[in-house]
């Protein structure tokens, strides 16, 4: 069972601090309304938490038997 995070950039990074921009680039988000799927790790969770006001987060678990 592997958990994934679906992260969508919903607010622009224009006018945001450079730290927030670097976090968004590190996550792989570059354009508005783009969506990425990440592995659910503490590192990725921390990055999403830092920019939680700019992104929408959806959690999912992939159950394969």
PDB file of N, CA and C in Angstrom:
ATOM      1  N   UNK A   1       0.848  -1.164   0.000  1.00  0.00           N
ATOM      2  CA  UNK A   1       0.000   0.000   0.000  1.00  0.00           C
ATOM      3  C   UNK A   1       0.899   1.234   0.000  1.00  0.00           C
ATOM      4  N   UNK A   2       0.724   2.067  -0.985  1.00  0.00           N
ATOM      5  CA  UNK A   2       1.541   3.278  -1.074  1.00  0.00           C
ATOM      6  C   UNK A   2       0.626   4.487  -1.125  1.00  0.00           C
ATOM      7  N   UNK A   3       0.952   5.474  -0.304  1.00  0.00           N
ATOM      8  CA  UNK A   3       0.130   6.683  -0.246  1.00  0.00           C
ATOM      9  C   UNK A   3       0.743   7.758  -1.127  1.00  0.00           C
ATOM     10  N   UNK A   4      -0.118   8.509  -1.787  1.00  0.00           N
ATOM     11  CA  UNK A   4       0.357   9.595  -2.624  1.00  0.00           C
ATOM     12  C   UNK A   4      -0.378  10.878  -2.268  1.00  0.00           C
ATOM     13  N   UNK A   5       0.251  11.981  -2.597  1.00  0.00           N
ATOM     14  CA  UNK A   5      -0.337  13.298  -2.405  1.00  0.00           C
ATOM     15  C   UNK A   5      -0.541  13.928  -3.772  1.00  0.00           C
ATOM     16  N   UNK A   6      -1.729  14.438  -4.021  1.00  0.00           N
ATOM     17  CA  UNK A   6      -2.009  15.149  -5.264  1.00  0.00           C
ATOM     18  C   UNK A   6      -2.052  16.630  -4.911  1.00  0.00           C
ATOM     19  N   UNK A   7      -1.092  17.399  -5.434  1.00  0.00           N
ATOM     20  CA  UNK A   7      -0.945  18.800  -5.081  1.00  0.00           C
ATOM     21  C   UNK A   7      -1.216  19.650  -6.315  1.00  0.00           C
ATOM     22  N   UNK A   8      -2.078  20.664  -6.158  1.00  0.00           N
ATOM     23  CA  UNK A   8      -2.436  21.570  -7.243  1.00  0.00           C
ATOM     24  C   UNK A   8      -2.114  22.996  -6.820  1.00  0.00           C
ATOM     25  N   UNK A   9      -1.433  23.737  -7.679  1.00  0.00           N
ATOM     26  CA  UNK A   9      -1.135  25.146  -7.418  1.00  0.00           C
ATOM     27  C   UNK A   9      -2.370  25.972  -7.744  1.00  0.00           C
ATOM     28  N   UNK A  10      -2.964  26.610  -6.723  1.00  0.00           N
ATOM     29  CA  UNK A  10      -4.209  27.353  -6.946  1.00  0.00           C
ATOM     30  C   UNK A  10      -4.025  28.860  -6.856  1.00  0.00           C
ATOM     31  N   UNK A  11      -2.913  29.330  -6.317  1.00  0.00           N
ATOM     32  CA  UNK A  11      -2.644  30.760  -6.250  1.00  0.00           C
ATOM     33  C   UNK A  11      -1.265  31.027  -6.838  1.00  0.00           C
ATOM     34  N   UNK A  12      -1.124  32.174  -7.462  1.00  0.00           N
ATOM     35  CA  UNK A  12       0.115  32.541  -8.126  1.00  0.00           C
ATOM     36  C   UNK A  12       1.245  32.741  -7.130  1.00  0.00           C
ATOM     37  N   UNK A  13       2.460  32.488  -7.590  1.00  0.00           N
ATOM     38  CA  UNK A  13       3.618  32.738  -6.733  1.00  0.00           C
ATOM     39  C   UNK A  13       4.186  34.142  -6.944  1.00  0.00           C
ATOM     40  N   UNK A  14       3.527  34.962  -7.777  1.00  0.00           N
ATOM     41  CA  UNK A  14       3.952  36.345  -7.961  1.00  0.00           C
ATOM     42  C   UNK A  14       3.808  37.109  -6.650  1.00  0.00           C
ATOM     43  N   UNK A  15       4.836  37.851  -6.291  1.00  0.00           N
ATOM     44  CA  UNK A  15       4.799  38.655  -5.081  1.00  0.00           C
ATOM     45  C   UNK A  15       5.022  37.875  -3.806  1.00  0.00           C
ATOM     46  N   UNK A  16       5.302  36.601  -3.907  1.00  0.00           N
ATOM     47  CA  UNK A  16       5.549  35.760  -2.728  1.00  0.00           C
ATOM     48  C   UNK A  16       7.033  35.798  -2.385  1.00  0.00           C
ATOM     49  N   UNK A  17       7.380  35.498  -1.137  1.00  0.00           N
ATOM     50  CA  UNK A  17       8.797  35.465  -0.762  1.00  0.00           C
ATOM     51  C   UNK A  17       9.569  34.408  -1.558  1.00  0.00           C
ATOM     52  N   UNK A  18      10.849  34.646  -1.725  1.00  0.00           N
ATOM     53  CA  UNK A  18      11.698  33.727  -2.501  1.00  0.00           C
ATOM     54  C   UNK A  18      11.695  32.322  -1.897  1.00  0.00           C
ATOM     55  N   UNK A  19      11.590  32.204  -0.586  1.00  0.00           N
ATOM     56  CA  UNK A  19      11.551  30.877   0.054  1.00  0.00           C
ATOM     57  C   UNK A  19      10.338  30.079  -0.429  1.00  0.00           C
ATOM     58  N   UNK A  20       9.192  30.745  -0.543  1.00  0.00           N
ATOM     59  CA  UNK A  20       7.983  30.055  -1.016  1.00  0.00           C
ATOM     60  C   UNK A  20       8.143  29.632  -2.473  1.00  0.00           C
ATOM     61  N   UNK A  21       8.743  30.496  -3.279  1.00  0.00           N
ATOM     62  CA  UNK A  21       8.960  30.153  -4.692  1.00  0.00           C
ATOM     63  C   UNK A  21       9.876  28.945  -4.830  1.00  0.00           C
ATOM     64  N   UNK A  22      10.925  28.899  -4.019  1.00  0.00           N
ATOM     65  CA  UNK A  22      11.858  27.768  -4.073  1.00  0.00           C
ATOM     66  C   UNK A  22      11.173  26.467  -3.659  1.00  0.00           C
ATOM     67  N   UNK A  23      10.307  26.540  -2.662  1.00  0.00           N
ATOM     68  CA  UNK A  23       9.574  25.344  -2.230  1.00  0.00           C
ATOM     69  C   UNK A  23       8.664  24.853  -3.345  1.00  0.00           C
ATOM     70  N   UNK A  24       7.952  25.776  -3.998  1.00  0.00           N
ATOM     71  CA  UNK A  24       7.054  25.377  -5.090  1.00  0.00           C
ATOM     72  C   UNK A  24       7.836  24.774  -6.255  1.00  0.00           C
ATOM     73  N   UNK A  25       8.964  25.365  -6.586  1.00  0.00           N
ATOM     74  CA  UNK A  25       9.792  24.800  -7.658  1.00  0.00           C
ATOM     75  C   UNK A  25      10.323  23.429  -7.267  1.00  0.00           C
ATOM     76  N   UNK A  26      10.694  23.281  -5.997  1.00  0.00           N
ATOM     77  CA  UNK A  26      11.180  21.993  -5.503  1.00  0.00           C
ATOM     78  C   UNK A  26      10.120  20.908  -5.564  1.00  0.00           C
ATOM     79  N   UNK A  27       8.875  21.294  -5.363  1.00  0.00           N
ATOM     80  CA  UNK A  27       7.771  20.338  -5.481  1.00  0.00           C
ATOM     81  C   UNK A  27       7.479  19.993  -6.938  1.00  0.00           C
ATOM     82  N   UNK A  28       7.901  20.864  -7.858  1.00  0.00           N
ATOM     83  CA  UNK A  28       7.649  20.623  -9.276  1.00  0.00           C
ATOM     84  C   UNK A  28       6.482  21.434  -9.807  1.00  0.00           C
ATOM     85  N   UNK A  29       6.013  22.407  -9.036  1.00  0.00           N
ATOM     86  CA  UNK A  29       4.897  23.247  -9.464  1.00  0.00           C
ATOM     87  C   UNK A  29       5.447  24.526 -10.079  1.00  0.00           C
ATOM     88  N   UNK A  30       5.130  24.755 -11.345  1.00  0.00           N
ATOM     89  CA  UNK A  30       5.637  25.927 -12.024  1.00  0.00           C
ATOM     90  C   UNK A  30       4.539  26.810 -12.604  1.00  0.00           C
ATOM     91  N   UNK A  31       3.404  26.219 -12.939  1.00  0.00           N
ATOM     92  CA  UNK A  31       2.312  26.984 -13.550  1.00  0.00           C
ATOM     93  C   UNK A  31       1.043  26.835 -12.721  1.00  0.00           C
ATOM     94  N   UNK A  32       0.205  27.834 -12.796  1.00  0.00           N
ATOM     95  CA  UNK A  32      -1.054  27.861 -12.074  1.00  0.00           C
ATOM     96  C   UNK A  32      -1.974  26.744 -12.568  1.00  0.00           C
ATOM     97  N   UNK A  33      -2.709  26.160 -11.654  1.00  0.00           N
ATOM     98  CA  UNK A  33      -3.666  25.077 -11.913  1.00  0.00           C
ATOM     99  C   UNK A  33      -3.019  23.799 -12.428  1.00  0.00           C
ATOM    100  N   UNK A  34      -1.719  23.656 -12.242  1.00  0.00           N
ATOM    101  CA  UNK A  34      -1.054  22.407 -12.602  1.00  0.00           C
ATOM    102  C   UNK A  34      -1.087  21.477 -11.401  1.00  0.00           C
ATOM    103  N   UNK A  35      -1.127  20.194 -11.685  1.00  0.00           N
ATOM    104  CA  UNK A  35      -1.284  19.183 -10.651  1.00  0.00           C
ATOM    105  C   UNK A  35      -0.124  18.199 -10.719  1.00  0.00           C
ATOM    106  N   UNK A  36       0.389  17.795  -9.566  1.00  0.00           N
ATOM    107  CA  UNK A  36       1.444  16.786  -9.517  1.00  0.00           C
ATOM    108  C   UNK A  36       1.091  15.753  -8.460  1.00  0.00           C
ATOM    109  N   UNK A  37       1.628  14.564  -8.614  1.00  0.00           N
ATOM    110  CA  UNK A  37       1.453  13.520  -7.616  1.00  0.00           C
ATOM    111  C   UNK A  37       2.803  13.223  -7.002  1.00  0.00           C
ATOM    112  N   UNK A  38       2.846  13.249  -5.673  1.00  0.00           N
ATOM    113  CA  UNK A  38       4.071  13.024  -4.931  1.00  0.00           C
ATOM    114  C   UNK A  38       3.896  11.853  -3.986  1.00  0.00           C
ATOM    115  N   UNK A  39       4.996  11.233  -3.641  1.00  0.00           N
ATOM    116  CA  UNK A  39       4.986  10.192  -2.629  1.00  0.00           C
ATOM    117  C   UNK A  39       4.745  10.848  -1.277  1.00  0.00           C
ATOM    118  N   UNK A  40       3.976  10.194  -0.422  1.00  0.00           N
ATOM    119  CA  UNK A  40       3.646  10.749   0.891  1.00  0.00           C
ATOM    120  C   UNK A  40       4.799  10.478   1.858  1.00  0.00           C
ATOM    121  N   UNK A  41       5.730  11.439   1.937  1.00  0.00           N
ATOM    122  CA  UNK A  41       6.861  11.344   2.856  1.00  0.00           C
ATOM    123  C   UNK A  41       6.857  12.553   3.776  1.00  0.00           C
ATOM    124  N   UNK A  42       7.524  12.481   4.919  1.00  0.00           N
ATOM    125  CA  UNK A  42       7.591  13.642   5.804  1.00  0.00           C
ATOM    126  C   UNK A  42       8.210  14.867   5.135  1.00  0.00           C
ATOM    127  N   UNK A  43       9.165  14.666   4.258  1.00  0.00           N
ATOM    128  CA  UNK A  43       9.794  15.783   3.549  1.00  0.00           C
ATOM    129  C   UNK A  43       8.790  16.495   2.656  1.00  0.00           C
ATOM    130  N   UNK A  44       8.062  15.736   1.847  1.00  0.00           N
ATOM    131  CA  UNK A  44       7.064  16.334   0.963  1.00  0.00           C
ATOM    132  C   UNK A  44       5.934  16.978   1.754  1.00  0.00           C
ATOM    133  N   UNK A  45       5.518  16.342   2.851  1.00  0.00           N
ATOM    134  CA  UNK A  45       4.470  16.925   3.690  1.00  0.00           C
ATOM    135  C   UNK A  45       4.907  18.271   4.255  1.00  0.00           C
ATOM    136  N   UNK A  46       6.163  18.370   4.696  1.00  0.00           N
ATOM    137  CA  UNK A  46       6.682  19.616   5.238  1.00  0.00           C
ATOM    138  C   UNK A  46       6.711  20.718   4.198  1.00  0.00           C
ATOM    139  N   UNK A  47       7.104  20.365   2.973  1.00  0.00           N
ATOM    140  CA  UNK A  47       7.137  21.358   1.902  1.00  0.00           C
ATOM    141  C   UNK A  47       5.731  21.851   1.577  1.00  0.00           C
ATOM    142  N   UNK A  48       4.769  20.936   1.515  1.00  0.00           N
ATOM    143  CA  UNK A  48       3.386  21.321   1.229  1.00  0.00           C
ATOM    144  C   UNK A  48       2.841  22.180   2.363  1.00  0.00           C
ATOM    145  N   UNK A  49       3.185  21.863   3.603  1.00  0.00           N
ATOM    146  CA  UNK A  49       2.721  22.644   4.742  1.00  0.00           C
ATOM    147  C   UNK A  49       3.223  24.089   4.676  1.00  0.00           C
ATOM    148  N   UNK A  50       4.455  24.293   4.212  1.00  0.00           N
ATOM    149  CA  UNK A  50       5.033  25.636   4.114  1.00  0.00           C
ATOM    150  C   UNK A  50       4.258  26.527   3.151  1.00  0.00           C
ATOM    151  N   UNK A  51       3.697  25.943   2.106  1.00  0.00           N
ATOM    152  CA  UNK A  51       2.980  26.733   1.100  1.00  0.00           C
ATOM    153  C   UNK A  51       1.503  26.316   1.028  1.00  0.00           C
ATOM    154  N   UNK A  52       0.949  25.897   2.151  1.00  0.00           N
ATOM    155  CA  UNK A  52      -0.418  25.379   2.168  1.00  0.00           C
ATOM    156  C   UNK A  52      -1.447  26.423   1.745  1.00  0.00           C
ATOM    157  N   UNK A  53      -1.117  27.704   1.875  1.00  0.00           N
ATOM    158  CA  UNK A  53      -2.034  28.770   1.477  1.00  0.00           C
ATOM    159  C   UNK A  53      -2.036  28.992  -0.036  1.00  0.00           C
ATOM    160  N   UNK A  54      -1.122  28.344  -0.759  1.00  0.00           N
ATOM    161  CA  UNK A  54      -1.017  28.496  -2.207  1.00  0.00           C
ATOM    162  C   UNK A  54      -1.453  27.252  -2.979  1.00  0.00           C
ATOM    163  N   UNK A  55      -1.599  26.128  -2.281  1.00  0.00           N
ATOM    164  CA  UNK A  55      -1.881  24.863  -2.955  1.00  0.00           C
ATOM    165  C   UNK A  55      -3.122  24.195  -2.388  1.00  0.00           C
ATOM    166  N   UNK A  56      -3.649  23.239  -3.176  1.00  0.00           N
ATOM    167  CA  UNK A  56      -4.741  22.378  -2.726  1.00  0.00           C
ATOM    168  C   UNK A  56      -4.186  20.967  -2.642  1.00  0.00           C
ATOM    169  N   UNK A  57      -4.449  20.291  -1.548  1.00  0.00           N
ATOM    170  CA  UNK A  57      -3.891  18.965  -1.303  1.00  0.00           C
ATOM    171  C   UNK A  57      -5.001  17.932  -1.261  1.00  0.00           C
ATOM    172  N   UNK A  58      -4.776  16.815  -1.985  1.00  0.00           N
ATOM    173  CA  UNK A  58      -5.678  15.674  -1.928  1.00  0.00           C
ATOM    174  C   UNK A  58      -4.835  14.452  -1.608  1.00  0.00           C
ATOM    175  N   UNK A  59      -5.294  13.669  -0.644  1.00  0.00           N
ATOM    176  CA  UNK A  59      -4.571  12.453  -0.248  1.00  0.00           C
ATOM    177  C   UNK A  59      -5.249  11.241  -0.862  1.00  0.00           C
ATOM    178  N   UNK A  60      -4.435  10.264  -1.225  1.00  0.00           N
ATOM    179  CA  UNK A  60      -4.997   9.019  -1.740  1.00  0.00           C
ATOM    180  C   UNK A  60      -4.093   7.869  -1.356  1.00  0.00           C
ATOM    181  N   UNK A  61      -4.690   6.695  -1.221  1.00  0.00           N
ATOM    182  CA  UNK A  61      -3.936   5.485  -0.965  1.00  0.00           C
ATOM    183  C   UNK A  61      -4.187   4.521  -2.090  1.00  0.00           C
ATOM    184  N   UNK A  62      -3.130   3.999  -2.649  1.00  0.00           N
ATOM    185  CA  UNK A  62      -3.237   3.027  -3.737  1.00  0.00           C
ATOM    186  C   UNK A  62      -3.094   1.638  -3.150  1.00  0.00           C
ATOM    187  N   UNK A  63      -4.190   0.924  -3.145  1.00  0.00           N
ATOM    188  CA  UNK A  63      -4.167  -0.436  -2.617  1.00  0.00           C
ATOM    189  C   UNK A  63      -4.079  -1.418  -3.767  1.00  0.00           C
ATOM    190  N   UNK A  64      -2.972  -2.122  -3.833  1.00  0.00           N
ATOM    191  CA  UNK A  64      -2.804  -3.145  -4.868  1.00  0.00           C
ATOM    192  C   UNK A  64      -2.553  -4.471  -4.193  1.00  0.00           C
ATOM    193  N   UNK A  65      -3.293  -5.505  -4.591  1.00  0.00           N
ATOM    194  CA  UNK A  65      -3.133  -6.814  -3.990  1.00  0.00           C
ATOM    195  C   UNK A  65      -2.717  -7.815  -5.011  1.00  0.00           C
TER     196      UNK A  65
END
